[in-house]
Amino acid sequence: MQSKSKRQTEQACRSLPDLVTYPCPIKLPDVDILQIWHHRTKDDPLQAWLRQHIKAALQRI
């Protein structure tokens, strides 16, 4: 199975024909991404919508 990053790289190369890629010479660790917000905005519908869309976008990569 092909990794998401490889598929994204191939898509970028198709979109940007002058783009040149090189293999990474070192193993990079996985990165945890956290969302943090102020308690005042916890129940704000617009903020909840934005957080959900950010979460969905990050789950695709």
PDB file of N, CA and C in Angstrom:
ATOM      1  N   MET A   1       0.841  -1.192   0.000  1.00  0.00           N
ATOM      2  CA  MET A   1       0.000   0.000   0.000  1.00  0.00           C
ATOM      3  C   MET A   1       0.883   1.251   0.000  1.00  0.00           C
ATOM      4  N   GLN A   2       0.509   2.196  -0.795  1.00  0.00           N
ATOM      5  CA  GLN A   2       1.279   3.424  -0.938  1.00  0.00           C
ATOM      6  C   GLN A   2       0.934   4.397   0.196  1.00  0.00           C
ATOM      7  N   SER A   3       1.945   5.064   0.758  1.00  0.00           N
ATOM      8  CA  SER A   3       1.703   5.997   1.854  1.00  0.00           C
ATOM      9  C   SER A   3       1.013   7.257   1.345  1.00  0.00           C
ATOM     10  N   LYS A   4       0.317   7.935   2.270  1.00  0.00           N
ATOM     11  CA  LYS A   4      -0.362   9.182   1.908  1.00  0.00           C
ATOM     12  C   LYS A   4       0.638  10.232   1.437  1.00  0.00           C
ATOM     13  N   SER A   5       1.782  10.296   2.110  1.00  0.00           N
ATOM     14  CA  SER A   5       2.765  11.305   1.729  1.00  0.00           C
ATOM     15  C   SER A   5       3.294  11.051   0.316  1.00  0.00           C
ATOM     16  N   LYS A   6       3.455   9.784  -0.042  1.00  0.00           N
ATOM     17  CA  LYS A   6       3.919   9.473  -1.398  1.00  0.00           C
ATOM     18  C   LYS A   6       2.862   9.860  -2.429  1.00  0.00           C
ATOM     19  N   ARG A   7       1.601   9.570  -2.137  1.00  0.00           N
ATOM     20  CA  ARG A   7       0.519   9.957  -3.055  1.00  0.00           C
ATOM     21  C   ARG A   7       0.444  11.478  -3.187  1.00  0.00           C
ATOM     22  N   GLN A   8       0.599  12.177  -2.072  1.00  0.00           N
ATOM     23  CA  GLN A   8       0.559  13.643  -2.121  1.00  0.00           C
ATOM     24  C   GLN A   8       1.729  14.199  -2.923  1.00  0.00           C
ATOM     25  N   THR A   9       2.885  13.589  -2.764  1.00  0.00           N
ATOM     26  CA  THR A   9       4.057  14.020  -3.517  1.00  0.00           C
ATOM     27  C   THR A   9       3.836  13.811  -5.006  1.00  0.00           C
ATOM     28  N   GLU A  10       3.304  12.655  -5.363  1.00  0.00           N
ATOM     29  CA  GLU A  10       3.046  12.385  -6.777  1.00  0.00           C
ATOM     30  C   GLU A  10       2.015  13.349  -7.350  1.00  0.00           C
ATOM     31  N   GLN A  11       1.002  13.674  -6.560  1.00  0.00           N
ATOM     32  CA  GLN A  11      -0.007  14.638  -7.007  1.00  0.00           C
ATOM     33  C   GLN A  11       0.623  16.016  -7.202  1.00  0.00           C
ATOM     34  N   ALA A  12       1.474  16.431  -6.280  1.00  0.00           N
ATOM     35  CA  ALA A  12       2.145  17.730  -6.404  1.00  0.00           C
ATOM     36  C   ALA A  12       3.025  17.762  -7.648  1.00  0.00           C
ATOM     37  N   CYS A  13       3.702  16.668  -7.924  1.00  0.00           N
ATOM     38  CA  CYS A  13       4.570  16.603  -9.112  1.00  0.00           C
ATOM     39  C   CYS A  13       3.760  16.687 -10.401  1.00  0.00           C
ATOM     40  N   ARG A  14       2.572  16.113 -10.397  1.00  0.00           N
ATOM     41  CA  ARG A  14       1.708  16.228 -11.585  1.00  0.00           C
ATOM     42  C   ARG A  14       1.226  17.662 -11.765  1.00  0.00           C
ATOM     43  N   SER A  15       0.933  18.336 -10.659  1.00  0.00           N
ATOM     44  CA  SER A  15       0.438  19.713 -10.716  1.00  0.00           C
ATOM     45  C   SER A  15       1.546  20.715 -11.020  1.00  0.00           C
ATOM     46  N   LEU A  16       2.751  20.397 -10.576  1.00  0.00           N
ATOM     47  CA  LEU A  16       3.888  21.304 -10.732  1.00  0.00           C
ATOM     48  C   LEU A  16       5.006  20.575 -11.473  1.00  0.00           C
ATOM     49  N   PRO A  17       4.986  20.579 -12.791  1.00  0.00           N
ATOM     50  CA  PRO A  17       5.938  19.769 -13.558  1.00  0.00           C
ATOM     51  C   PRO A  17       7.403  20.134 -13.320  1.00  0.00           C
ATOM     52  N   ASP A  18       7.700  21.336 -12.856  1.00  0.00           N
ATOM     53  CA  ASP A  18       9.089  21.724 -12.591  1.00  0.00           C
ATOM     54  C   ASP A  18       9.568  21.319 -11.190  1.00  0.00           C
ATOM     55  N   LEU A  19       8.663  20.760 -10.404  1.00  0.00           N
ATOM     56  CA  LEU A  19       9.018  20.355  -9.046  1.00  0.00           C
ATOM     57  C   LEU A  19       9.950  19.152  -9.084  1.00  0.00           C
ATOM     58  N   VAL A  20      11.033  19.224  -8.330  1.00  0.00           N
ATOM     59  CA  VAL A  20      11.994  18.123  -8.238  1.00  0.00           C
ATOM     60  C   VAL A  20      11.949  17.600  -6.805  1.00  0.00           C
ATOM     61  N   THR A  21      11.880  16.292  -6.643  1.00  0.00           N
ATOM     62  CA  THR A  21      11.857  15.707  -5.301  1.00  0.00           C
ATOM     63  C   THR A  21      13.079  14.824  -5.092  1.00  0.00           C
ATOM     64  N   TYR A  22      13.476  14.718  -3.850  1.00  0.00           N
ATOM     65  CA  TYR A  22      14.603  13.873  -3.449  1.00  0.00           C
ATOM     66  C   TYR A  22      14.184  13.067  -2.233  1.00  0.00           C
ATOM     67  N   PRO A  23      14.677  11.843  -2.102  1.00  0.00           N
ATOM     68  CA  PRO A  23      14.363  11.064  -0.902  1.00  0.00           C
ATOM     69  C   PRO A  23      14.999  11.720   0.331  1.00  0.00           C
ATOM     70  N   CYS A  24      14.291  11.641   1.429  1.00  0.00           N
ATOM     71  CA  CYS A  24      14.822  12.182   2.682  1.00  0.00           C
ATOM     72  C   CYS A  24      15.970  11.282   3.147  1.00  0.00           C
ATOM     73  N   PRO A  25      17.110  11.863   3.494  1.00  0.00           N
ATOM     74  CA  PRO A  25      18.264  11.036   3.863  1.00  0.00           C
ATOM     75  C   PRO A  25      18.192  10.461   5.282  1.00  0.00           C
ATOM     76  N   ILE A  26      17.231  10.908   6.072  1.00  0.00           N
ATOM     77  CA  ILE A  26      17.116  10.411   7.451  1.00  0.00           C
ATOM     78  C   ILE A  26      15.672  10.005   7.728  1.00  0.00           C
ATOM     79  N   LYS A  27      15.479   9.163   8.719  1.00  0.00           N
ATOM     80  CA  LYS A  27      14.131   8.761   9.154  1.00  0.00           C
ATOM     81  C   LYS A  27      13.575   9.868  10.043  1.00  0.00           C
ATOM     82  N   LEU A  28      12.409  10.380   9.668  1.00  0.00           N
ATOM     83  CA  LEU A  28      11.769  11.423  10.458  1.00  0.00           C
ATOM     84  C   LEU A  28      10.725  10.801  11.377  1.00  0.00           C
ATOM     85  N   PRO A  29      10.646  11.280  12.614  1.00  0.00           N
ATOM     86  CA  PRO A  29       9.658  10.720  13.538  1.00  0.00           C
ATOM     87  C   PRO A  29       8.250  11.200  13.188  1.00  0.00           C
ATOM     88  N   ASP A  30       7.253  10.423  13.610  1.00  0.00           N
ATOM     89  CA  ASP A  30       5.871  10.869  13.475  1.00  0.00           C
ATOM     90  C   ASP A  30       5.665  12.094  14.362  1.00  0.00           C
ATOM     91  N   VAL A  31       4.716  12.928  13.987  1.00  0.00           N
ATOM     92  CA  VAL A  31       4.455  14.165  14.722  1.00  0.00           C
ATOM     93  C   VAL A  31       3.017  14.147  15.220  1.00  0.00           C
ATOM     94  N   ASP A  32       2.827  14.444  16.492  1.00  0.00           N
ATOM     95  CA  ASP A  32       1.489  14.591  17.048  1.00  0.00           C
ATOM     96  C   ASP A  32       1.068  16.048  16.884  1.00  0.00           C
ATOM     97  N   ILE A  33      -0.145  16.252  16.423  1.00  0.00           N
ATOM     98  CA  ILE A  33      -0.679  17.602  16.259  1.00  0.00           C
ATOM     99  C   ILE A  33      -1.874  17.748  17.185  1.00  0.00           C
ATOM    100  N   LEU A  34      -1.855  18.802  17.993  1.00  0.00           N
ATOM    101  CA  LEU A  34      -2.932  19.052  18.947  1.00  0.00           C
ATOM    102  C   LEU A  34      -3.622  20.367  18.615  1.00  0.00           C
ATOM    103  N   GLN A  35      -4.913  20.427  18.878  1.00  0.00           N
ATOM    104  CA  GLN A  35      -5.650  21.679  18.777  1.00  0.00           C
ATOM    105  C   GLN A  35      -5.940  22.149  20.202  1.00  0.00           C
ATOM    106  N   ILE A  36      -5.664  23.398  20.449  1.00  0.00           N
ATOM    107  CA  ILE A  36      -5.898  23.973  21.772  1.00  0.00           C
ATOM    108  C   ILE A  36      -6.696  25.254  21.587  1.00  0.00           C
ATOM    109  N   TRP A  37      -7.713  25.449  22.398  1.00  0.00           N
ATOM    110  CA  TRP A  37      -8.524  26.658  22.306  1.00  0.00           C
ATOM    111  C   TRP A  37      -8.928  27.099  23.705  1.00  0.00           C
ATOM    112  N   HIS A  38      -9.313  28.341  23.808  1.00  0.00           N
ATOM    113  CA  HIS A  38      -9.735  28.929  25.076  1.00  0.00           C
ATOM    114  C   HIS A  38     -11.096  28.368  25.463  1.00  0.00           C
ATOM    115  N   HIS A  39     -11.325  28.188  26.761  1.00  0.00           N
ATOM    116  CA  HIS A  39     -12.582  27.608  27.225  1.00  0.00           C
ATOM    117  C   HIS A  39     -13.794  28.451  26.828  1.00  0.00           C
ATOM    118  N   ARG A  40     -13.597  29.755  26.613  1.00  0.00           N
ATOM    119  CA  ARG A  40     -14.718  30.610  26.208  1.00  0.00           C
ATOM    120  C   ARG A  40     -15.252  30.232  24.827  1.00  0.00           C
ATOM    121  N   THR A  41     -14.396  29.658  23.979  1.00  0.00           N
ATOM    122  CA  THR A  41     -14.825  29.332  22.615  1.00  0.00           C
ATOM    123  C   THR A  41     -15.187  27.860  22.450  1.00  0.00           C
ATOM    124  N   LYS A  42     -15.160  27.119  23.541  1.00  0.00           N
ATOM    125  CA  LYS A  42     -15.424  25.677  23.477  1.00  0.00           C
ATOM    126  C   LYS A  42     -16.784  25.357  22.848  1.00  0.00           C
ATOM    127  N   ASP A  43     -17.804  26.115  23.193  1.00  0.00           N
ATOM    128  CA  ASP A  43     -19.157  25.833  22.717  1.00  0.00           C
ATOM    129  C   ASP A  43     -19.595  26.742  21.568  1.00  0.00           C
ATOM    130  N   ASP A  44     -18.702  27.553  21.060  1.00  0.00           N
ATOM    131  CA  ASP A  44     -19.042  28.443  19.947  1.00  0.00           C
ATOM    132  C   ASP A  44     -19.217  27.609  18.680  1.00  0.00           C
ATOM    133  N   PRO A  45     -20.380  27.686  18.013  1.00  0.00           N
ATOM    134  CA  PRO A  45     -20.616  26.845  16.831  1.00  0.00           C
ATOM    135  C   PRO A  45     -19.610  27.082  15.700  1.00  0.00           C
ATOM    136  N   LEU A  46     -19.233  28.316  15.460  1.00  0.00           N
ATOM    137  CA  LEU A  46     -18.269  28.594  14.399  1.00  0.00           C
ATOM    138  C   LEU A  46     -16.900  28.007  14.738  1.00  0.00           C
ATOM    139  N   GLN A  47     -16.482  28.155  15.981  1.00  0.00           N
ATOM    140  CA  GLN A  47     -15.200  27.586  16.398  1.00  0.00           C
ATOM    141  C   GLN A  47     -15.228  26.057  16.319  1.00  0.00           C
ATOM    142  N   ALA A  48     -16.350  25.455  16.710  1.00  0.00           N
ATOM    143  CA  ALA A  48     -16.473  23.992  16.634  1.00  0.00           C
ATOM    144  C   ALA A  48     -16.415  23.540  15.177  1.00  0.00           C
ATOM    145  N   TRP A  49     -17.068  24.270  14.295  1.00  0.00           N
ATOM    146  CA  TRP A  49     -17.037  23.964  12.865  1.00  0.00           C
ATOM    147  C   TRP A  49     -15.605  24.028  12.342  1.00  0.00           C
ATOM    148  N   LEU A  50     -14.894  25.092  12.702  1.00  0.00           N
ATOM    149  CA  LEU A  50     -13.512  25.267  12.246  1.00  0.00           C
ATOM    150  C   LEU A  50     -12.615  24.147  12.773  1.00  0.00           C
ATOM    151  N   ARG A  51     -12.743  23.829  14.041  1.00  0.00           N
ATOM    152  CA  ARG A  51     -11.929  22.748  14.616  1.00  0.00           C
ATOM    153  C   ARG A  51     -12.203  21.424  13.902  1.00  0.00           C
ATOM    154  N   GLN A  52     -13.462  21.147  13.601  1.00  0.00           N
ATOM    155  CA  GLN A  52     -13.816  19.896  12.925  1.00  0.00           C
ATOM    156  C   GLN A  52     -13.211  19.847  11.519  1.00  0.00           C
ATOM    157  N   HIS A  53     -13.244  20.967  10.818  1.00  0.00           N
ATOM    158  CA  HIS A  53     -12.680  20.999   9.467  1.00  0.00           C
ATOM    159  C   HIS A  53     -11.156  20.865   9.491  1.00  0.00           C
ATOM    160  N   ILE A  54     -10.530  21.461  10.468  1.00  0.00           N
ATOM    161  CA  ILE A  54      -9.074  21.302  10.617  1.00  0.00           C
ATOM    162  C   ILE A  54      -8.754  19.840  10.917  1.00  0.00           C
ATOM    163  N   LYS A  55      -9.498  19.241  11.815  1.00  0.00           N
ATOM    164  CA  LYS A  55      -9.284  17.825  12.167  1.00  0.00           C
ATOM    165  C   LYS A  55      -9.449  16.937  10.933  1.00  0.00           C
ATOM    166  N   ALA A  56     -10.518  17.164  10.173  1.00  0.00           N
ATOM    167  CA  ALA A  56     -10.771  16.345   8.982  1.00  0.00           C
ATOM    168  C   ALA A  56      -9.648  16.508   7.960  1.00  0.00           C
ATOM    169  N   ALA A  57      -9.181  17.737   7.776  1.00  0.00           N
ATOM    170  CA  ALA A  57      -8.098  17.984   6.810  1.00  0.00           C
ATOM    171  C   ALA A  57      -6.816  17.275   7.248  1.00  0.00           C
ATOM    172  N   LEU A  58      -6.515  17.332   8.536  1.00  0.00           N
ATOM    173  CA  LEU A  58      -5.287  16.699   9.017  1.00  0.00           C
ATOM    174  C   LEU A  58      -5.368  15.175   8.987  1.00  0.00           C
ATOM    175  N   GLN A  59      -6.557  14.624   9.093  1.00  0.00           N
ATOM    176  CA  GLN A  59      -6.693  13.167   9.036  1.00  0.00           C
ATOM    177  C   GLN A  59      -6.449  12.635   7.623  1.00  0.00           C
ATOM    178  N   ARG A  60      -6.569  13.508   6.623  1.00  0.00           N
ATOM    179  CA  ARG A  60      -6.346  13.081   5.238  1.00  0.00           C
ATOM    180  C   ARG A  60      -4.869  13.065   4.873  1.00  0.00           C
ATOM    181  N   ILE A  61      -4.015  13.643   5.714  1.00  0.00           N
ATOM    182  CA  ILE A  61      -2.590  13.658   5.362  1.00  0.00           C
ATOM    183  C   ILE A  61      -1.802  12.702   6.235  1.00  0.00           C
TER     184      ILE A  61
END
